[in-house]
N, C-alpha and C. Protein backbone atom coordinates (compact mmCIF):
# COMPACT_ATOMS: atom_id res chain seq x y z
N UNK A 1 64.38 232.77 -39.29
CA UNK A 1 65.54 231.89 -39.34
C UNK A 1 65.40 230.95 -40.54
N UNK A 2 66.46 230.80 -41.28
CA UNK A 2 66.42 229.94 -42.47
C UNK A 2 66.25 228.49 -42.07
N UNK A 3 65.46 227.77 -42.86
CA UNK A 3 65.23 226.36 -42.57
C UNK A 3 66.20 225.48 -43.34
N UNK A 4 66.43 224.30 -42.81
CA UNK A 4 67.30 223.32 -43.46
C UNK A 4 66.78 223.02 -44.86
N UNK A 5 67.65 223.18 -45.86
CA UNK A 5 67.19 222.96 -47.24
C UNK A 5 66.76 221.53 -47.49
N UNK A 6 67.22 220.58 -46.65
CA UNK A 6 66.85 219.18 -46.84
C UNK A 6 65.79 218.72 -45.85
N UNK A 7 65.17 219.65 -45.13
CA UNK A 7 64.16 219.23 -44.16
C UNK A 7 63.05 218.48 -44.88
N UNK A 8 62.58 217.36 -44.34
CA UNK A 8 61.61 216.52 -45.03
C UNK A 8 60.34 217.25 -45.44
N UNK A 9 59.92 218.29 -44.71
CA UNK A 9 58.65 218.94 -45.02
C UNK A 9 58.75 219.87 -46.22
N UNK A 10 59.99 220.16 -46.69
CA UNK A 10 60.12 221.20 -47.70
C UNK A 10 59.95 220.71 -49.13
N UNK A 11 60.45 219.55 -49.41
CA UNK A 11 60.52 219.14 -50.82
C UNK A 11 59.81 217.81 -51.02
N UNK A 12 58.90 217.79 -51.91
CA UNK A 12 58.23 216.57 -52.33
C UNK A 12 58.21 216.59 -53.85
N UNK A 13 58.53 215.47 -54.45
CA UNK A 13 58.43 215.37 -55.90
C UNK A 13 57.50 214.21 -56.19
N UNK A 14 56.27 214.51 -56.51
CA UNK A 14 55.26 213.46 -56.67
C UNK A 14 55.38 212.84 -58.05
N UNK A 15 56.17 211.79 -58.12
CA UNK A 15 56.31 211.04 -59.37
C UNK A 15 55.64 209.67 -59.25
N UNK A 16 55.03 209.42 -58.11
CA UNK A 16 54.45 208.11 -57.87
C UNK A 16 55.44 207.13 -57.29
N UNK A 17 56.72 207.55 -57.16
CA UNK A 17 57.76 206.64 -56.68
C UNK A 17 57.48 206.14 -55.27
N UNK A 18 56.87 207.00 -54.43
CA UNK A 18 56.60 206.60 -53.06
C UNK A 18 55.55 205.50 -52.97
N UNK A 19 54.85 205.24 -54.07
CA UNK A 19 53.83 204.18 -54.06
C UNK A 19 54.37 202.87 -54.64
N UNK A 20 55.62 202.87 -55.08
CA UNK A 20 56.22 201.67 -55.62
C UNK A 20 56.66 200.74 -54.48
N UNK A 21 56.91 199.45 -54.77
CA UNK A 21 57.39 198.53 -53.73
C UNK A 21 58.64 199.07 -53.05
N UNK A 22 58.77 198.79 -51.75
CA UNK A 22 59.87 199.36 -50.96
C UNK A 22 61.24 199.01 -51.53
N UNK A 23 61.45 197.74 -51.93
CA UNK A 23 62.77 197.35 -52.44
C UNK A 23 63.12 198.10 -53.71
N UNK A 24 62.12 198.31 -54.58
CA UNK A 24 62.37 199.05 -55.81
C UNK A 24 62.69 200.51 -55.51
N UNK A 25 61.94 201.11 -54.59
CA UNK A 25 62.22 202.50 -54.20
C UNK A 25 63.62 202.63 -53.63
N UNK A 26 63.98 201.67 -52.77
CA UNK A 26 65.29 201.72 -52.14
C UNK A 26 66.40 201.63 -53.17
N UNK A 27 66.25 200.72 -54.14
CA UNK A 27 67.29 200.56 -55.16
C UNK A 27 67.39 201.80 -56.05
N UNK A 28 66.25 202.42 -56.37
CA UNK A 28 66.26 203.64 -57.18
C UNK A 28 66.97 204.77 -56.44
N UNK A 29 66.72 204.86 -55.13
CA UNK A 29 67.37 205.89 -54.32
C UNK A 29 68.88 205.66 -54.28
N UNK A 30 69.29 204.39 -54.10
CA UNK A 30 70.71 204.07 -54.04
C UNK A 30 71.41 204.40 -55.36
N UNK A 31 70.75 204.10 -56.48
CA UNK A 31 71.34 204.41 -57.79
C UNK A 31 71.46 205.92 -57.97
N UNK A 32 70.41 206.66 -57.58
CA UNK A 32 70.45 208.12 -57.70
C UNK A 32 71.51 208.70 -56.78
N UNK A 33 71.61 208.16 -55.57
CA UNK A 33 72.62 208.63 -54.62
C UNK A 33 74.01 208.41 -55.16
N UNK A 34 74.25 207.23 -55.74
CA UNK A 34 75.57 206.94 -56.30
C UNK A 34 75.95 207.91 -57.39
N UNK A 35 75.00 208.23 -58.27
CA UNK A 35 75.27 209.18 -59.34
C UNK A 35 75.61 210.56 -58.78
N UNK A 36 74.88 210.98 -57.75
CA UNK A 36 75.12 212.30 -57.16
C UNK A 36 76.43 212.34 -56.38
N UNK A 37 76.69 211.30 -55.58
CA UNK A 37 77.94 211.27 -54.81
C UNK A 37 79.14 211.26 -55.74
N UNK A 38 79.04 210.52 -56.83
CA UNK A 38 80.16 210.44 -57.78
C UNK A 38 80.38 211.77 -58.49
N UNK A 39 79.32 212.49 -58.77
CA UNK A 39 79.42 213.75 -59.51
C UNK A 39 79.80 214.92 -58.61
N UNK A 40 79.16 215.00 -57.42
CA UNK A 40 79.33 216.18 -56.57
C UNK A 40 80.17 215.92 -55.32
N UNK A 41 80.49 214.63 -55.03
CA UNK A 41 81.14 214.31 -53.77
C UNK A 41 80.12 214.27 -52.65
N UNK A 42 80.55 213.80 -51.49
CA UNK A 42 79.62 213.68 -50.37
C UNK A 42 79.13 215.05 -49.90
N UNK A 43 80.06 215.96 -49.64
CA UNK A 43 79.69 217.27 -49.12
C UNK A 43 78.86 218.06 -50.12
N UNK A 44 79.14 217.88 -51.40
CA UNK A 44 78.43 218.65 -52.43
C UNK A 44 77.06 218.11 -52.79
N UNK A 45 76.73 216.94 -52.26
CA UNK A 45 75.44 216.32 -52.56
C UNK A 45 74.44 216.63 -51.45
N UNK A 46 73.26 217.03 -51.83
CA UNK A 46 72.17 217.22 -50.86
C UNK A 46 71.12 216.14 -51.10
N UNK A 47 70.31 215.90 -50.08
CA UNK A 47 69.21 214.95 -50.25
C UNK A 47 68.28 215.43 -51.35
N UNK A 48 68.16 216.75 -51.49
CA UNK A 48 67.32 217.31 -52.56
C UNK A 48 67.81 216.87 -53.94
N UNK A 49 69.15 216.87 -54.14
CA UNK A 49 69.71 216.41 -55.41
C UNK A 49 69.27 214.98 -55.73
N UNK A 50 69.29 214.15 -54.70
CA UNK A 50 68.96 212.73 -54.88
C UNK A 50 67.49 212.56 -55.20
N UNK A 51 66.63 213.33 -54.52
CA UNK A 51 65.19 213.27 -54.80
C UNK A 51 64.90 213.71 -56.23
N UNK A 52 65.63 214.72 -56.71
CA UNK A 52 65.42 215.18 -58.08
C UNK A 52 65.68 214.07 -59.09
N UNK A 53 66.62 213.19 -58.77
CA UNK A 53 66.94 212.07 -59.67
C UNK A 53 66.01 210.89 -59.46
N UNK A 54 65.74 210.58 -58.19
CA UNK A 54 65.02 209.33 -57.89
C UNK A 54 63.51 209.51 -57.83
N UNK A 55 63.05 210.77 -57.65
CA UNK A 55 61.63 210.98 -57.43
C UNK A 55 61.27 210.68 -55.98
N UNK A 56 60.00 210.76 -55.66
CA UNK A 56 59.56 210.50 -54.30
C UNK A 56 59.75 211.71 -53.42
N UNK A 57 60.10 211.48 -52.17
CA UNK A 57 60.18 212.59 -51.22
C UNK A 57 61.41 212.45 -50.33
N UNK A 58 61.83 213.58 -49.78
CA UNK A 58 62.92 213.59 -48.82
C UNK A 58 62.53 212.79 -47.59
N UNK A 59 61.26 212.90 -47.19
CA UNK A 59 60.81 212.16 -46.00
C UNK A 59 61.04 210.66 -46.16
N UNK A 60 60.83 210.14 -47.37
CA UNK A 60 61.05 208.71 -47.62
C UNK A 60 62.51 208.34 -47.41
N UNK A 61 63.42 209.18 -47.89
CA UNK A 61 64.85 208.90 -47.73
C UNK A 61 65.24 208.88 -46.26
N UNK A 62 64.74 209.86 -45.50
CA UNK A 62 65.06 209.88 -44.07
C UNK A 62 64.45 208.68 -43.35
N UNK A 63 63.27 208.26 -43.78
CA UNK A 63 62.64 207.09 -43.17
C UNK A 63 63.45 205.83 -43.44
N UNK A 64 63.95 205.69 -44.65
CA UNK A 64 64.68 204.48 -45.04
C UNK A 64 66.12 204.45 -44.51
N UNK A 65 66.77 205.62 -44.54
CA UNK A 65 68.22 205.63 -44.26
C UNK A 65 68.63 206.47 -43.05
N UNK A 66 67.73 207.27 -42.54
CA UNK A 66 68.00 208.02 -41.32
C UNK A 66 68.71 209.34 -41.51
N UNK A 67 69.65 209.40 -42.45
CA UNK A 67 70.44 210.60 -42.67
C UNK A 67 71.19 210.45 -43.99
N UNK A 68 71.85 211.53 -44.41
CA UNK A 68 72.67 211.45 -45.62
C UNK A 68 73.82 210.49 -45.41
N UNK A 69 74.41 210.50 -44.22
CA UNK A 69 75.50 209.57 -43.94
C UNK A 69 74.99 208.13 -43.99
N UNK A 70 73.81 207.90 -43.43
CA UNK A 70 73.24 206.55 -43.49
C UNK A 70 73.02 206.11 -44.92
N UNK A 71 72.58 207.04 -45.78
CA UNK A 71 72.38 206.73 -47.19
C UNK A 71 73.72 206.45 -47.88
N UNK A 72 74.73 207.23 -47.56
CA UNK A 72 76.06 207.03 -48.16
C UNK A 72 76.60 205.66 -47.78
N UNK A 73 76.51 205.30 -46.49
CA UNK A 73 76.98 203.99 -46.04
C UNK A 73 76.22 202.87 -46.74
N UNK A 74 74.90 203.05 -46.89
CA UNK A 74 74.09 202.02 -47.55
C UNK A 74 74.49 201.88 -49.01
N UNK A 75 74.81 203.00 -49.67
CA UNK A 75 75.25 202.96 -51.06
C UNK A 75 76.58 202.21 -51.19
N UNK A 76 77.54 202.54 -50.32
CA UNK A 76 78.85 201.88 -50.38
C UNK A 76 78.69 200.38 -50.14
N UNK A 77 77.88 200.01 -49.15
CA UNK A 77 77.64 198.60 -48.84
C UNK A 77 77.00 197.89 -50.03
N UNK A 78 75.98 198.51 -50.60
CA UNK A 78 75.26 197.92 -51.73
C UNK A 78 76.17 197.76 -52.94
N UNK A 79 76.95 198.79 -53.24
CA UNK A 79 77.83 198.72 -54.41
C UNK A 79 78.95 197.71 -54.21
N UNK A 80 79.49 197.64 -53.01
CA UNK A 80 80.55 196.66 -52.72
C UNK A 80 80.01 195.24 -52.89
N UNK A 81 78.79 195.00 -52.44
CA UNK A 81 78.19 193.67 -52.57
C UNK A 81 77.93 193.33 -54.03
N UNK A 82 77.47 194.32 -54.80
CA UNK A 82 77.21 194.09 -56.22
C UNK A 82 78.49 193.76 -56.98
N UNK A 83 79.59 194.38 -56.55
CA UNK A 83 80.86 194.19 -57.26
C UNK A 83 81.60 192.94 -56.82
N UNK A 84 81.17 192.35 -55.71
CA UNK A 84 81.85 191.16 -55.22
C UNK A 84 81.69 190.00 -56.20
N UNK A 85 82.72 189.21 -56.33
CA UNK A 85 82.69 188.05 -57.21
C UNK A 85 83.07 186.82 -56.40
N UNK A 86 82.58 185.68 -56.84
CA UNK A 86 82.95 184.44 -56.19
C UNK A 86 84.37 184.06 -56.57
N UNK A 87 85.18 183.73 -55.58
CA UNK A 87 86.55 183.30 -55.87
C UNK A 87 86.72 181.80 -55.61
N UNK A 88 85.62 181.15 -55.29
CA UNK A 88 85.70 179.72 -54.99
C UNK A 88 86.19 178.94 -56.21
N UNK A 89 87.09 178.00 -55.98
CA UNK A 89 87.65 177.18 -57.06
C UNK A 89 86.84 175.89 -57.16
N UNK A 90 86.32 175.61 -58.36
CA UNK A 90 85.50 174.41 -58.54
C UNK A 90 86.10 173.45 -59.57
N UNK A 91 87.32 173.70 -60.00
CA UNK A 91 87.94 172.83 -60.98
C UNK A 91 88.51 171.57 -60.33
N UNK A 92 89.09 170.71 -61.17
CA UNK A 92 89.67 169.49 -60.62
C UNK A 92 90.97 169.82 -59.89
N UNK A 93 91.30 169.02 -58.92
CA UNK A 93 92.46 169.27 -58.08
C UNK A 93 93.74 169.11 -58.88
N UNK A 94 94.53 170.20 -58.94
CA UNK A 94 95.81 170.17 -59.66
C UNK A 94 96.94 170.74 -58.81
N UNK A 95 96.75 170.71 -57.52
CA UNK A 95 97.79 171.21 -56.63
C UNK A 95 97.53 172.64 -56.18
N UNK A 96 98.16 173.05 -55.10
CA UNK A 96 97.89 174.37 -54.52
C UNK A 96 98.27 175.53 -55.43
N UNK A 97 99.33 175.40 -56.21
CA UNK A 97 99.75 176.52 -57.05
C UNK A 97 98.68 176.86 -58.09
N UNK A 98 98.16 175.85 -58.76
CA UNK A 98 97.13 176.06 -59.77
C UNK A 98 95.90 176.71 -59.15
N UNK A 99 95.49 176.20 -58.02
CA UNK A 99 94.31 176.73 -57.34
C UNK A 99 94.50 178.17 -56.91
N UNK A 100 95.66 178.48 -56.34
CA UNK A 100 95.91 179.83 -55.85
C UNK A 100 96.06 180.83 -56.99
N UNK A 101 96.61 180.40 -58.12
CA UNK A 101 96.69 181.29 -59.28
C UNK A 101 95.29 181.66 -59.75
N UNK A 102 94.40 180.67 -59.80
CA UNK A 102 93.01 180.95 -60.20
C UNK A 102 92.38 181.97 -59.25
N UNK A 103 92.50 181.74 -57.95
CA UNK A 103 91.90 182.63 -56.95
C UNK A 103 92.52 184.02 -57.04
N UNK A 104 93.84 184.08 -57.17
CA UNK A 104 94.52 185.37 -57.23
C UNK A 104 94.09 186.19 -58.45
N UNK A 105 93.92 185.53 -59.58
CA UNK A 105 93.49 186.24 -60.78
C UNK A 105 92.09 186.82 -60.60
N UNK A 106 91.21 186.06 -59.94
CA UNK A 106 89.86 186.55 -59.69
C UNK A 106 89.89 187.76 -58.76
N UNK A 107 90.69 187.70 -57.72
CA UNK A 107 90.78 188.81 -56.78
C UNK A 107 91.35 190.05 -57.45
N UNK A 108 92.41 189.87 -58.23
CA UNK A 108 93.06 191.00 -58.90
C UNK A 108 92.13 191.62 -59.94
N UNK A 109 91.42 190.79 -60.69
CA UNK A 109 90.45 191.31 -61.66
C UNK A 109 89.41 192.19 -60.95
N UNK A 110 88.94 191.71 -59.81
CA UNK A 110 87.95 192.44 -59.03
C UNK A 110 88.51 193.77 -58.53
N UNK A 111 89.73 193.74 -58.01
CA UNK A 111 90.32 194.92 -57.38
C UNK A 111 90.70 196.01 -58.37
N UNK A 112 90.81 195.67 -59.65
CA UNK A 112 91.24 196.66 -60.64
C UNK A 112 90.15 196.98 -61.67
N UNK A 113 88.92 196.53 -61.41
CA UNK A 113 87.80 196.88 -62.30
C UNK A 113 87.52 198.36 -62.21
N UNK A 114 87.08 198.96 -63.31
CA UNK A 114 86.85 200.40 -63.33
C UNK A 114 85.74 200.81 -62.37
N UNK A 115 84.67 200.01 -62.27
CA UNK A 115 83.58 200.40 -61.37
C UNK A 115 84.00 200.29 -59.90
N UNK A 116 84.87 199.30 -59.60
CA UNK A 116 85.40 199.21 -58.24
C UNK A 116 86.33 200.39 -57.96
N UNK A 117 87.15 200.77 -58.91
CA UNK A 117 88.05 201.90 -58.73
C UNK A 117 87.26 203.20 -58.54
N UNK A 118 86.13 203.33 -59.23
CA UNK A 118 85.27 204.51 -59.05
C UNK A 118 84.76 204.59 -57.61
N UNK A 119 84.35 203.44 -57.07
CA UNK A 119 83.86 203.41 -55.69
C UNK A 119 85.00 203.72 -54.73
N UNK A 120 86.17 203.15 -55.00
CA UNK A 120 87.33 203.40 -54.14
C UNK A 120 87.71 204.87 -54.16
N UNK A 121 87.67 205.49 -55.33
CA UNK A 121 88.00 206.92 -55.45
C UNK A 121 87.04 207.75 -54.61
N UNK A 122 85.76 207.42 -54.66
CA UNK A 122 84.76 208.16 -53.89
C UNK A 122 85.02 208.04 -52.40
N UNK A 123 85.29 206.81 -51.93
CA UNK A 123 85.51 206.60 -50.50
C UNK A 123 86.79 207.29 -50.04
N UNK A 124 87.86 207.17 -50.84
CA UNK A 124 89.13 207.80 -50.47
C UNK A 124 88.96 209.31 -50.32
N UNK A 125 88.14 209.91 -51.17
CA UNK A 125 87.95 211.36 -51.10
C UNK A 125 87.27 211.78 -49.80
N UNK A 126 86.55 210.84 -49.17
CA UNK A 126 85.83 211.17 -47.93
C UNK A 126 86.56 210.71 -46.67
N UNK A 127 87.64 209.94 -46.83
CA UNK A 127 88.35 209.42 -45.65
C UNK A 127 88.91 210.53 -44.75
N UNK A 128 89.45 211.64 -45.30
CA UNK A 128 89.91 212.71 -44.39
C UNK A 128 88.80 213.23 -43.49
N UNK A 129 87.58 213.24 -44.00
CA UNK A 129 86.44 213.70 -43.20
C UNK A 129 85.98 212.64 -42.22
N UNK A 130 86.05 211.39 -42.65
CA UNK A 130 85.58 210.28 -41.81
C UNK A 130 86.53 209.10 -41.99
N UNK A 131 87.56 208.98 -41.15
CA UNK A 131 88.55 207.91 -41.29
C UNK A 131 87.96 206.52 -41.23
N UNK A 132 86.80 206.36 -40.62
CA UNK A 132 86.20 205.04 -40.51
C UNK A 132 85.68 204.47 -41.82
N UNK A 133 85.55 205.32 -42.84
CA UNK A 133 85.02 204.84 -44.11
C UNK A 133 85.92 203.81 -44.77
N UNK A 134 87.24 203.98 -44.60
CA UNK A 134 88.17 203.02 -45.20
C UNK A 134 87.95 201.63 -44.64
N UNK A 135 87.82 201.52 -43.33
CA UNK A 135 87.57 200.23 -42.69
C UNK A 135 86.20 199.69 -43.08
N UNK A 136 85.24 200.60 -43.20
CA UNK A 136 83.88 200.19 -43.59
C UNK A 136 83.89 199.54 -44.97
N UNK A 137 84.58 200.18 -45.91
CA UNK A 137 84.65 199.63 -47.27
C UNK A 137 85.40 198.31 -47.28
N UNK A 138 86.48 198.23 -46.51
CA UNK A 138 87.24 196.98 -46.46
C UNK A 138 86.37 195.83 -45.97
N UNK A 139 85.60 196.08 -44.92
CA UNK A 139 84.72 195.02 -44.40
C UNK A 139 83.69 194.62 -45.43
N UNK A 140 83.07 195.60 -46.08
CA UNK A 140 82.02 195.31 -47.05
C UNK A 140 82.56 194.56 -48.26
N UNK A 141 83.75 194.92 -48.70
CA UNK A 141 84.29 194.35 -49.93
C UNK A 141 85.12 193.10 -49.72
N UNK A 142 85.91 193.08 -48.63
CA UNK A 142 86.88 192.00 -48.47
C UNK A 142 86.44 190.89 -47.54
N UNK A 143 85.50 191.15 -46.65
CA UNK A 143 85.08 190.09 -45.73
C UNK A 143 84.61 188.82 -46.46
N UNK A 144 83.76 188.94 -47.51
CA UNK A 144 83.36 187.71 -48.22
C UNK A 144 84.53 186.99 -48.86
N UNK A 145 85.49 187.74 -49.40
CA UNK A 145 86.67 187.14 -50.03
C UNK A 145 87.53 186.45 -48.98
N UNK A 146 87.78 187.14 -47.86
CA UNK A 146 88.64 186.57 -46.83
C UNK A 146 87.97 185.38 -46.15
N UNK A 147 86.65 185.36 -46.07
CA UNK A 147 85.95 184.20 -45.51
C UNK A 147 86.21 182.96 -46.37
N UNK A 148 86.17 183.14 -47.70
CA UNK A 148 86.47 182.02 -48.60
C UNK A 148 87.93 181.59 -48.45
N UNK A 149 88.83 182.56 -48.35
CA UNK A 149 90.25 182.23 -48.22
C UNK A 149 90.55 181.51 -46.91
N UNK A 150 89.83 181.84 -45.85
CA UNK A 150 90.05 181.14 -44.58
C UNK A 150 89.77 179.65 -44.73
N UNK A 151 88.78 179.32 -45.53
CA UNK A 151 88.48 177.91 -45.79
C UNK A 151 89.61 177.26 -46.59
N UNK A 152 90.13 177.98 -47.59
CA UNK A 152 91.24 177.47 -48.41
C UNK A 152 92.46 177.19 -47.55
N UNK A 153 92.74 178.08 -46.59
CA UNK A 153 93.97 177.98 -45.79
C UNK A 153 93.75 177.34 -44.42
N UNK A 154 92.68 176.58 -44.30
CA UNK A 154 92.31 176.01 -43.00
C UNK A 154 93.37 175.06 -42.46
N UNK A 155 94.01 174.29 -43.32
CA UNK A 155 94.99 173.28 -42.87
C UNK A 155 96.38 173.56 -43.42
N UNK A 156 96.78 174.81 -43.39
CA UNK A 156 98.11 175.17 -43.88
C UNK A 156 99.07 175.37 -42.72
N UNK A 157 100.37 175.25 -43.04
CA UNK A 157 101.42 175.42 -42.02
C UNK A 157 102.46 176.40 -42.53
N UNK A 158 103.17 177.02 -41.58
CA UNK A 158 104.29 177.88 -41.93
C UNK A 158 105.50 177.02 -42.30
N UNK A 159 106.14 177.34 -43.40
CA UNK A 159 107.30 176.57 -43.83
C UNK A 159 108.48 176.74 -42.88
N UNK A 160 108.57 177.87 -42.23
CA UNK A 160 109.73 178.15 -41.37
C UNK A 160 109.87 177.14 -40.25
N UNK A 161 108.74 176.75 -39.62
CA UNK A 161 108.84 175.83 -38.48
C UNK A 161 107.80 174.72 -38.50
N UNK A 162 106.97 174.66 -39.53
CA UNK A 162 105.98 173.59 -39.63
C UNK A 162 104.78 173.77 -38.71
N UNK A 163 104.69 174.91 -38.03
CA UNK A 163 103.55 175.13 -37.12
C UNK A 163 102.30 175.51 -37.90
N UNK A 164 101.15 175.24 -37.30
CA UNK A 164 99.88 175.55 -37.94
C UNK A 164 99.75 177.06 -38.16
N UNK A 165 99.35 177.45 -39.35
CA UNK A 165 99.18 178.86 -39.67
C UNK A 165 97.73 179.27 -39.41
N UNK A 166 97.55 180.46 -38.89
CA UNK A 166 96.21 180.98 -38.68
C UNK A 166 95.59 181.33 -40.04
N UNK A 167 94.42 180.75 -40.39
CA UNK A 167 93.82 181.01 -41.70
C UNK A 167 93.55 182.49 -41.96
N UNK A 168 93.19 183.23 -40.90
CA UNK A 168 92.95 184.66 -41.07
C UNK A 168 94.21 185.41 -41.43
N UNK A 169 95.32 185.06 -40.78
CA UNK A 169 96.61 185.70 -41.09
C UNK A 169 97.03 185.41 -42.53
N UNK A 170 96.87 184.15 -42.94
CA UNK A 170 97.25 183.78 -44.31
C UNK A 170 96.35 184.47 -45.33
N UNK A 171 95.07 184.59 -45.02
CA UNK A 171 94.13 185.25 -45.94
C UNK A 171 94.53 186.70 -46.18
N UNK A 172 94.84 187.40 -45.11
CA UNK A 172 95.22 188.80 -45.24
C UNK A 172 96.55 188.94 -45.96
N UNK A 173 97.49 188.06 -45.64
CA UNK A 173 98.79 188.08 -46.32
C UNK A 173 98.62 187.84 -47.81
N UNK A 174 97.77 186.89 -48.17
CA UNK A 174 97.53 186.55 -49.56
C UNK A 174 96.96 187.74 -50.33
N UNK A 175 95.93 188.38 -49.76
CA UNK A 175 95.32 189.54 -50.43
C UNK A 175 96.33 190.67 -50.57
N UNK A 176 97.07 190.94 -49.50
CA UNK A 176 98.07 192.02 -49.55
C UNK A 176 99.14 191.73 -50.60
N UNK A 177 99.55 190.47 -50.70
CA UNK A 177 100.61 190.10 -51.64
C UNK A 177 100.12 190.18 -53.08
N UNK A 178 98.90 189.73 -53.32
CA UNK A 178 98.36 189.69 -54.68
C UNK A 178 97.93 191.08 -55.16
N UNK A 179 97.16 191.78 -54.32
CA UNK A 179 96.60 193.07 -54.74
C UNK A 179 97.58 194.20 -54.46
N UNK A 180 98.19 194.18 -53.27
CA UNK A 180 99.14 195.22 -52.92
C UNK A 180 98.54 196.61 -53.02
N UNK A 181 99.27 197.50 -53.63
CA UNK A 181 98.81 198.89 -53.80
C UNK A 181 98.30 199.15 -55.22
N UNK A 182 98.04 198.09 -55.98
CA UNK A 182 97.64 198.27 -57.38
C UNK A 182 96.45 199.19 -57.57
N UNK A 183 95.34 199.04 -56.81
CA UNK A 183 94.20 199.94 -57.02
C UNK A 183 94.56 201.40 -56.81
N UNK A 184 95.31 201.69 -55.74
CA UNK A 184 95.68 203.08 -55.47
C UNK A 184 96.62 203.61 -56.54
N UNK A 185 97.56 202.78 -56.98
CA UNK A 185 98.49 203.20 -58.03
C UNK A 185 97.77 203.43 -59.35
N UNK A 186 96.75 202.63 -59.63
CA UNK A 186 95.95 202.85 -60.84
C UNK A 186 95.19 204.17 -60.75
N UNK A 187 94.63 204.46 -59.58
CA UNK A 187 93.91 205.72 -59.39
C UNK A 187 94.84 206.91 -59.56
N UNK A 188 96.08 206.76 -59.08
CA UNK A 188 97.05 207.85 -59.16
C UNK A 188 97.76 207.88 -60.52
N UNK A 189 97.39 206.98 -61.42
CA UNK A 189 98.01 206.88 -62.75
C UNK A 189 99.50 206.58 -62.68
N UNK A 190 99.88 205.86 -61.62
CA UNK A 190 101.27 205.43 -61.48
C UNK A 190 101.48 204.03 -62.04
N UNK A 191 100.40 203.42 -62.46
CA UNK A 191 100.45 202.05 -62.96
C UNK A 191 99.36 201.91 -64.02
N UNK A 192 99.58 201.05 -64.97
CA UNK A 192 98.57 200.77 -65.99
C UNK A 192 98.08 199.35 -65.84
N UNK A 193 96.91 199.10 -66.37
CA UNK A 193 96.36 197.75 -66.32
C UNK A 193 97.22 196.81 -67.17
N UNK A 194 97.53 195.65 -66.63
CA UNK A 194 98.31 194.67 -67.37
C UNK A 194 97.43 193.93 -68.37
N UNK A 195 98.02 193.49 -69.47
CA UNK A 195 97.35 192.58 -70.36
C UNK A 195 97.25 191.20 -69.72
N UNK A 196 96.48 190.31 -70.31
CA UNK A 196 96.24 188.99 -69.71
C UNK A 196 97.54 188.22 -69.49
N UNK A 197 98.41 188.20 -70.50
CA UNK A 197 99.64 187.43 -70.37
C UNK A 197 100.55 188.03 -69.30
N UNK A 198 100.65 189.36 -69.31
CA UNK A 198 101.49 190.05 -68.32
C UNK A 198 100.95 189.85 -66.91
N UNK A 199 99.63 189.90 -66.80
CA UNK A 199 99.01 189.73 -65.48
C UNK A 199 99.23 188.32 -64.96
N UNK A 200 99.13 187.34 -65.84
CA UNK A 200 99.32 185.96 -65.40
C UNK A 200 100.74 185.74 -64.89
N UNK A 201 101.73 186.34 -65.57
CA UNK A 201 103.11 186.23 -65.09
C UNK A 201 103.27 186.90 -63.73
N UNK A 202 102.65 188.06 -63.57
CA UNK A 202 102.70 188.78 -62.29
C UNK A 202 102.10 187.92 -61.18
N UNK A 203 100.93 187.34 -61.45
CA UNK A 203 100.26 186.51 -60.44
C UNK A 203 101.11 185.29 -60.12
N UNK A 204 101.67 184.65 -61.13
CA UNK A 204 102.48 183.45 -60.90
C UNK A 204 103.67 183.76 -60.00
N UNK A 205 104.29 184.93 -60.19
CA UNK A 205 105.42 185.31 -59.34
C UNK A 205 104.96 185.51 -57.90
N UNK A 206 103.80 186.13 -57.72
CA UNK A 206 103.28 186.38 -56.38
C UNK A 206 102.94 185.07 -55.66
N UNK A 207 102.35 184.14 -56.41
CA UNK A 207 101.98 182.86 -55.81
C UNK A 207 103.23 182.07 -55.46
N UNK A 208 104.24 182.14 -56.31
CA UNK A 208 105.50 181.47 -56.01
C UNK A 208 106.10 181.99 -54.71
N UNK A 209 106.03 183.32 -54.51
CA UNK A 209 106.54 183.91 -53.27
C UNK A 209 105.71 183.45 -52.07
N UNK A 210 104.40 183.39 -52.26
CA UNK A 210 103.52 182.98 -51.16
C UNK A 210 103.81 181.54 -50.74
N UNK A 211 104.05 180.68 -51.71
CA UNK A 211 104.29 179.27 -51.41
C UNK A 211 105.68 179.03 -50.81
N UNK A 212 106.49 180.04 -50.74
CA UNK A 212 107.76 179.93 -50.01
C UNK A 212 107.58 180.30 -48.54
N UNK A 213 106.38 180.73 -48.20
CA UNK A 213 106.07 181.12 -46.82
C UNK A 213 105.21 180.08 -46.12
N UNK A 214 104.26 179.51 -46.85
CA UNK A 214 103.33 178.54 -46.25
C UNK A 214 102.96 177.49 -47.28
N UNK A 215 102.44 176.36 -46.79
CA UNK A 215 102.02 175.28 -47.67
C UNK A 215 100.92 174.47 -46.99
N UNK A 216 100.18 173.67 -47.76
CA UNK A 216 99.17 172.81 -47.12
C UNK A 216 99.83 171.83 -46.17
N UNK A 217 99.15 171.52 -45.11
CA UNK A 217 99.69 170.55 -44.16
C UNK A 217 99.87 169.21 -44.84
N UNK A 218 101.08 168.63 -44.77
CA UNK A 218 101.31 167.32 -45.40
C UNK A 218 100.36 166.28 -44.83
N UNK A 219 99.79 165.47 -45.72
CA UNK A 219 98.90 164.41 -45.25
C UNK A 219 99.69 163.25 -44.69
N UNK A 220 99.16 162.67 -43.63
CA UNK A 220 99.78 161.48 -43.05
C UNK A 220 99.46 160.27 -43.92
N UNK A 221 100.18 159.19 -43.68
CA UNK A 221 99.93 157.96 -44.43
C UNK A 221 98.50 157.49 -44.26
N UNK A 222 97.95 157.64 -43.05
CA UNK A 222 96.57 157.20 -42.78
C UNK A 222 95.58 158.02 -43.60
N UNK A 223 95.84 159.36 -43.75
CA UNK A 223 94.94 160.24 -44.47
C UNK A 223 94.92 159.92 -45.96
N UNK A 224 96.03 159.39 -46.48
CA UNK A 224 96.10 159.14 -47.92
C UNK A 224 95.47 157.80 -48.28
N UNK A 225 95.19 156.97 -47.29
CA UNK A 225 94.59 155.65 -47.57
C UNK A 225 93.11 155.80 -47.92
């Protein structure tokens, strides 16, 4: 009976990699995995391919990640974290519009970067096989951004009735309004990257629309003293 081509006992590549510090070995494996997944896709990549690039042994990969799927998830998580950028605003206070334009530009720059689009393309190609990957990538990439936005929108109200707005709802609305389908449209070549001036006008229009939906809670006379 034929044996599994990726069985840990079959392939060892003694490059000394298994004797390197664990964090360094793990990062080398993740980089090699990313190169293989991008070139061959998930199904077309074997653990053997990754060992050929990273050195070490198949047994080490199974010990660290448990399976090829575990390695793929770890790669997506690692790459999403590396690509994340801080959107926190540290400038002087100039009103909500100025602040939101700054944040929106940072988010849009992040969402349309070529390396982020490469990761998105890889995950989208695997979603038919595993629908949970889309949610997994969203959590890895957007949770840090939305956590910051929840702080920004902590004391905002809906303009329609003056009621307190849920920061999580506003955060998701803001990201959807600013980013929209731009990454997918760029991948499908239905849209081109905007120049700086064009992008700033686009962002300003989006922020203007957002501020017609919600605003910071007006301060009371006591709060302004």
